[in-house]
Protein backbone atom coordinates (compact mmCIF):
# COMPACT_ATOMS: atom_id res chain seq x y z
CA MET A 1 25.40 13.10 28.63
CA LYS A 2 21.95 11.48 28.57
CA ILE A 3 20.34 14.69 27.33
CA ARG A 4 22.95 15.02 24.58
CA ASN A 5 22.39 11.42 23.52
CA LYS A 6 18.62 12.01 23.39
CA ILE A 7 19.12 15.12 21.25
CA ILE A 8 21.39 13.19 18.87
CA ALA A 9 18.87 10.35 18.68
CA LEU A 10 16.05 12.83 17.95
CA MET A 11 18.08 14.50 15.20
CA ILE A 12 18.80 11.11 13.60
CA SER A 13 15.09 10.26 13.74
CA LEU A 14 14.10 13.54 12.09
CA ILE A 15 16.66 13.05 9.34
CA ALA A 16 15.52 9.47 8.75
CA MET A 17 11.78 10.23 8.64
CA PRO A 18 11.63 11.66 5.08
CA THR A 19 13.73 8.75 3.80
CA PHE A 20 11.41 6.25 5.47
CA ALA A 21 8.32 8.02 4.16
CA PHE A 22 9.78 8.10 0.67
CA SER A 23 10.55 4.40 0.91
CA GLN A 24 6.88 3.87 1.79
CA ALA A 25 5.81 5.83 -1.29
CA LYS A 26 8.15 3.71 -3.43
CA ASN A 27 6.18 0.60 -2.44
CA PHE A 28 3.35 1.87 -4.66
CA ALA A 29 5.56 2.91 -7.60
CA GLY A 30 5.65 1.03 -10.89
CA PRO A 31 3.35 -0.37 -13.59
CA SER A 32 0.08 -2.10 -12.68
CA LEU A 33 -2.69 -4.00 -14.44
CA ALA A 34 -6.14 -4.55 -12.95
CA VAL A 35 -9.56 -5.98 -13.77
CA ASN A 36 -12.57 -4.17 -12.39
CA GLY A 37 -16.30 -4.30 -11.97
CA SER A 38 -18.48 -1.21 -11.70
CA LEU A 39 -22.04 -0.62 -10.59
CA ASN A 40 -23.07 2.30 -12.78
CA GLY A 41 -26.05 4.54 -12.21
CA GLY A 42 -26.58 6.11 -15.63
CA SER A 43 -29.03 8.88 -16.46
CA VAL A 44 -29.85 11.11 -19.41
CA LYS A 45 -31.45 14.54 -19.41
CA MET A 46 -33.40 15.27 -22.58
CA SER A 47 -34.46 18.84 -23.35
CA GLU A 48 -36.60 20.23 -26.16
CA GLY A 49 -37.75 23.81 -26.06
CA GLY A 50 -38.86 24.41 -22.48
CA ASP A 51 -39.57 20.73 -21.72
CA THR A 52 -37.08 18.56 -19.82
CA LEU A 53 -37.22 14.81 -19.22
CA LYS A 54 -34.71 12.88 -17.12
CA PHE A 55 -34.56 9.10 -16.79
CA GLY A 56 -31.99 6.58 -15.54
CA GLU A 57 -31.05 2.94 -14.96
CA ASN A 58 -28.42 0.86 -13.12
CA SER A 59 -26.04 -1.58 -14.82
CA THR A 60 -22.95 -3.65 -14.06
CA VAL A 61 -19.92 -3.27 -16.33
CA PHE A 62 -16.51 -5.00 -16.30
CA GLY A 63 -13.26 -3.57 -17.64
CA LEU A 64 -9.47 -3.30 -17.62
CA ASP A 65 -7.19 -0.69 -16.03
CA ALA A 66 -3.52 -0.17 -16.91
CA SER A 67 -1.54 2.39 -14.91
CA TYR A 68 1.86 3.61 -13.78
CA THR A 69 2.49 5.13 -10.36
CA PHE A 70 5.30 7.56 -9.54
CA ALA A 71 6.65 8.09 -6.01
CA LEU A 72 6.86 11.79 -5.20
CA ASP A 73 8.37 13.32 -2.05
CA ASN A 74 7.43 12.07 1.39
CA ASN A 75 4.13 10.17 1.43
CA PHE A 76 2.75 11.38 -1.90
CA ILE A 77 2.34 9.41 -5.14
CA MET A 78 0.92 10.16 -8.58
CA GLY A 79 -0.72 7.58 -10.80
CA VAL A 80 -1.55 7.91 -14.51
CA GLY A 81 -3.62 5.33 -16.34
CA VAL A 82 -6.10 4.24 -18.98
CA THR A 83 -9.30 2.18 -18.73
CA TYR A 84 -11.58 0.33 -21.12
CA ASP A 85 -15.03 -1.17 -20.47
CA PHE A 86 -16.26 -4.37 -22.13
CA GLY A 87 -19.96 -3.69 -21.67
CA LYS A 88 -22.60 -1.03 -22.11
CA THR A 89 -23.74 1.39 -19.44
CA LYS A 90 -27.50 1.72 -19.51
CA ALA A 91 -28.59 5.32 -19.13
CA GLY A 92 -32.31 4.56 -18.78
CA GLY A 93 -35.44 4.56 -20.85
CA THR A 94 -39.08 5.55 -21.10
CA SER A 95 -42.16 3.46 -21.81
CA GLY A 96 -45.61 4.11 -23.22
CA SER A 97 -46.71 5.21 -26.68
CA VAL A 98 -43.22 6.68 -27.16
CA THR A 99 -40.27 4.60 -25.89
CA ALA A 100 -36.64 5.64 -25.66
CA LEU A 101 -33.61 3.64 -24.53
CA ALA A 102 -30.22 5.32 -23.97
CA THR A 103 -26.86 3.50 -23.66
CA LEU A 104 -23.17 4.41 -23.46
CA ASP A 105 -20.85 1.99 -25.26
CA ASP A 106 -17.13 1.69 -26.16
CA HIS A 107 -16.21 3.59 -22.99
CA LYS A 108 -12.56 4.46 -22.38
CA SER A 109 -10.75 6.96 -20.19
CA ILE A 110 -7.41 8.41 -19.17
CA TYR A 111 -6.82 9.66 -15.63
CA LEU A 112 -4.58 11.20 -13.01
CA GLN A 113 -4.67 9.65 -9.53
CA PRO A 114 -2.80 11.60 -6.81
CA GLY A 115 -2.54 9.73 -3.52
CA PHE A 116 -1.32 9.85 0.06
CA ASN A 117 -0.08 6.64 1.65
CA ILE A 118 -1.54 6.01 5.10
CA ASN A 119 0.97 3.26 5.77
CA ASN A 120 3.19 0.80 3.93
CA GLU A 121 0.23 -1.01 2.31
CA THR A 122 -2.61 1.51 1.94
CA VAL A 123 -3.12 4.75 0.06
CA VAL A 124 -6.08 7.14 -0.22
CA PHE A 125 -6.45 8.96 -3.51
CA GLY A 126 -8.38 11.45 -5.56
CA LYS A 127 -9.08 10.96 -9.25
CA LEU A 128 -9.52 13.19 -12.29
CA GLY A 129 -10.42 11.52 -15.57
CA TYR A 130 -11.28 12.33 -19.18
CA HIS A 131 -13.76 9.97 -20.86
CA GLU A 132 -15.03 9.07 -24.31
CA SER A 133 -18.13 6.97 -25.04
CA GLU A 134 -20.43 6.23 -27.93
CA GLY A 135 -23.90 7.35 -26.87
CA LYS A 136 -26.94 5.80 -28.56
CA LEU A 137 -30.62 6.62 -28.22
CA ASN A 138 -33.17 4.21 -29.68
CA VAL A 139 -36.65 5.70 -30.10
CA THR A 140 -39.89 3.92 -31.02
CA VAL A 141 -43.14 5.72 -31.87
CA GLY A 142 -45.91 3.30 -32.76
CA ASN A 143 -44.57 1.04 -35.53
CA ALA A 144 -41.76 3.42 -36.43
CA SER A 145 -38.34 3.30 -34.82
CA GLY A 146 -34.97 4.97 -35.22
CA SER A 147 -31.69 5.61 -33.45
CA LEU A 148 -29.32 8.49 -32.87
CA THR A 149 -25.62 7.85 -32.26
CA GLY A 150 -22.84 10.24 -31.27
CA ASP A 151 -19.48 10.40 -29.49
CA PHE A 152 -19.69 11.95 -26.03
CA ASN A 153 -16.79 13.35 -24.00
CA ALA A 154 -16.75 13.91 -20.26
CA TRP A 155 -14.74 14.82 -17.16
CA SER A 156 -14.96 12.70 -14.02
CA TYR A 157 -14.14 13.33 -10.37
CA GLY A 158 -13.69 10.69 -7.72
CA ALA A 159 -11.90 9.29 -4.69
CA GLY A 160 -10.96 5.90 -3.33
CA LEU A 161 -8.75 3.57 -1.33
CA LYS A 162 -6.03 1.20 -2.56
CA SER A 163 -4.59 -1.52 -0.35
CA PHE A 164 -1.98 -4.20 -1.04
CA ILE A 165 -2.81 -7.78 -0.12
CA ASN A 166 0.86 -8.77 -0.48
CA LYS A 167 3.94 -7.28 -2.14
CA ASN A 168 2.31 -7.16 -5.59
CA ALA A 169 -1.44 -7.87 -5.46
CA PHE A 170 -3.87 -5.14 -4.46
CA ILE A 171 -7.55 -4.32 -4.13
CA GLN A 172 -8.96 -0.89 -4.92
CA VAL A 173 -12.38 0.64 -4.25
CA GLU A 174 -13.52 4.00 -5.60
CA ALA A 175 -16.50 6.18 -6.45
CA ASN A 176 -16.69 8.53 -9.44
CA LEU A 177 -19.04 11.07 -10.99
CA THR A 178 -18.82 11.40 -14.79
CA GLU A 179 -20.65 14.31 -16.42
CA TYR A 180 -20.85 14.08 -20.21
CA GLU A 181 -21.21 17.02 -22.55
CA SER A 182 -24.62 17.94 -23.94
CA LYS A 183 -25.30 17.24 -27.62
CA THR A 184 -28.28 18.17 -29.79
CA ALA A 185 -29.87 16.04 -32.51
CA LEU A 186 -33.15 16.68 -34.30
CA GLY A 187 -33.78 19.64 -31.99
CA VAL A 188 -33.44 17.55 -28.81
CA SER A 189 -30.45 17.91 -26.45
CA PHE A 190 -29.04 14.88 -24.65
CA GLU A 191 -26.85 15.09 -21.54
CA PRO A 192 -25.69 11.77 -19.95
CA THR A 193 -24.37 11.44 -16.39
CA VAL A 194 -22.89 8.34 -14.71
CA VAL A 195 -22.30 7.73 -11.00
CA SER A 196 -20.14 4.64 -10.50
CA ALA A 197 -18.85 2.48 -7.65
CA THR A 198 -15.87 0.36 -8.75
CA VAL A 199 -13.91 -2.51 -7.23
CA SER A 200 -10.58 -3.47 -8.86
CA LEU A 201 -8.23 -6.42 -8.35
CA GLY A 202 -4.76 -5.72 -9.63
CA TYR A 203 -1.10 -6.65 -9.77
CA LYS A 204 1.88 -4.30 -9.56
CA PHE A 205 4.86 -5.46 -11.59
């Protein structure tokens, strides 16, 4: 009798596990809005003929993130979202007789964020994003100066951790690598790259 009761109890537990896991995933589901701050390490590779020059600079940028998370089966979730930055990412510069300063402005992105919930409050995730920015290069040679501007697109790859402080508020930390396309102007190719560490404070509705 005791063995039979244990078997029945085990079967009930096995049946209930997916439902419980799915209920955990549902804790993360729904629309969210977050503010974030990123420490960006921007760099630009400039190439002309056989010569290559690479320079970089760090900057802090703040932005907004709006997303919606879907609960999938078991412990898996999928987030989709958009971001917008309010500041410029400095990509570095050179000094001397010829100076150049590169920036990335009007940055926005869309992304997919698949995740696995560790427990009822915390999820680990990967991130795949598509980005658009206005790249600008200001060049000064002696008393003459000029600028080149163009729209740059990029793919990003990253990972992070999201944890709820209470039922609705959460904190999220992540790291991303964004590799922009190469563009050529006046015979010089420009290829920006950004490595970012981001902290977000958000609210799930």
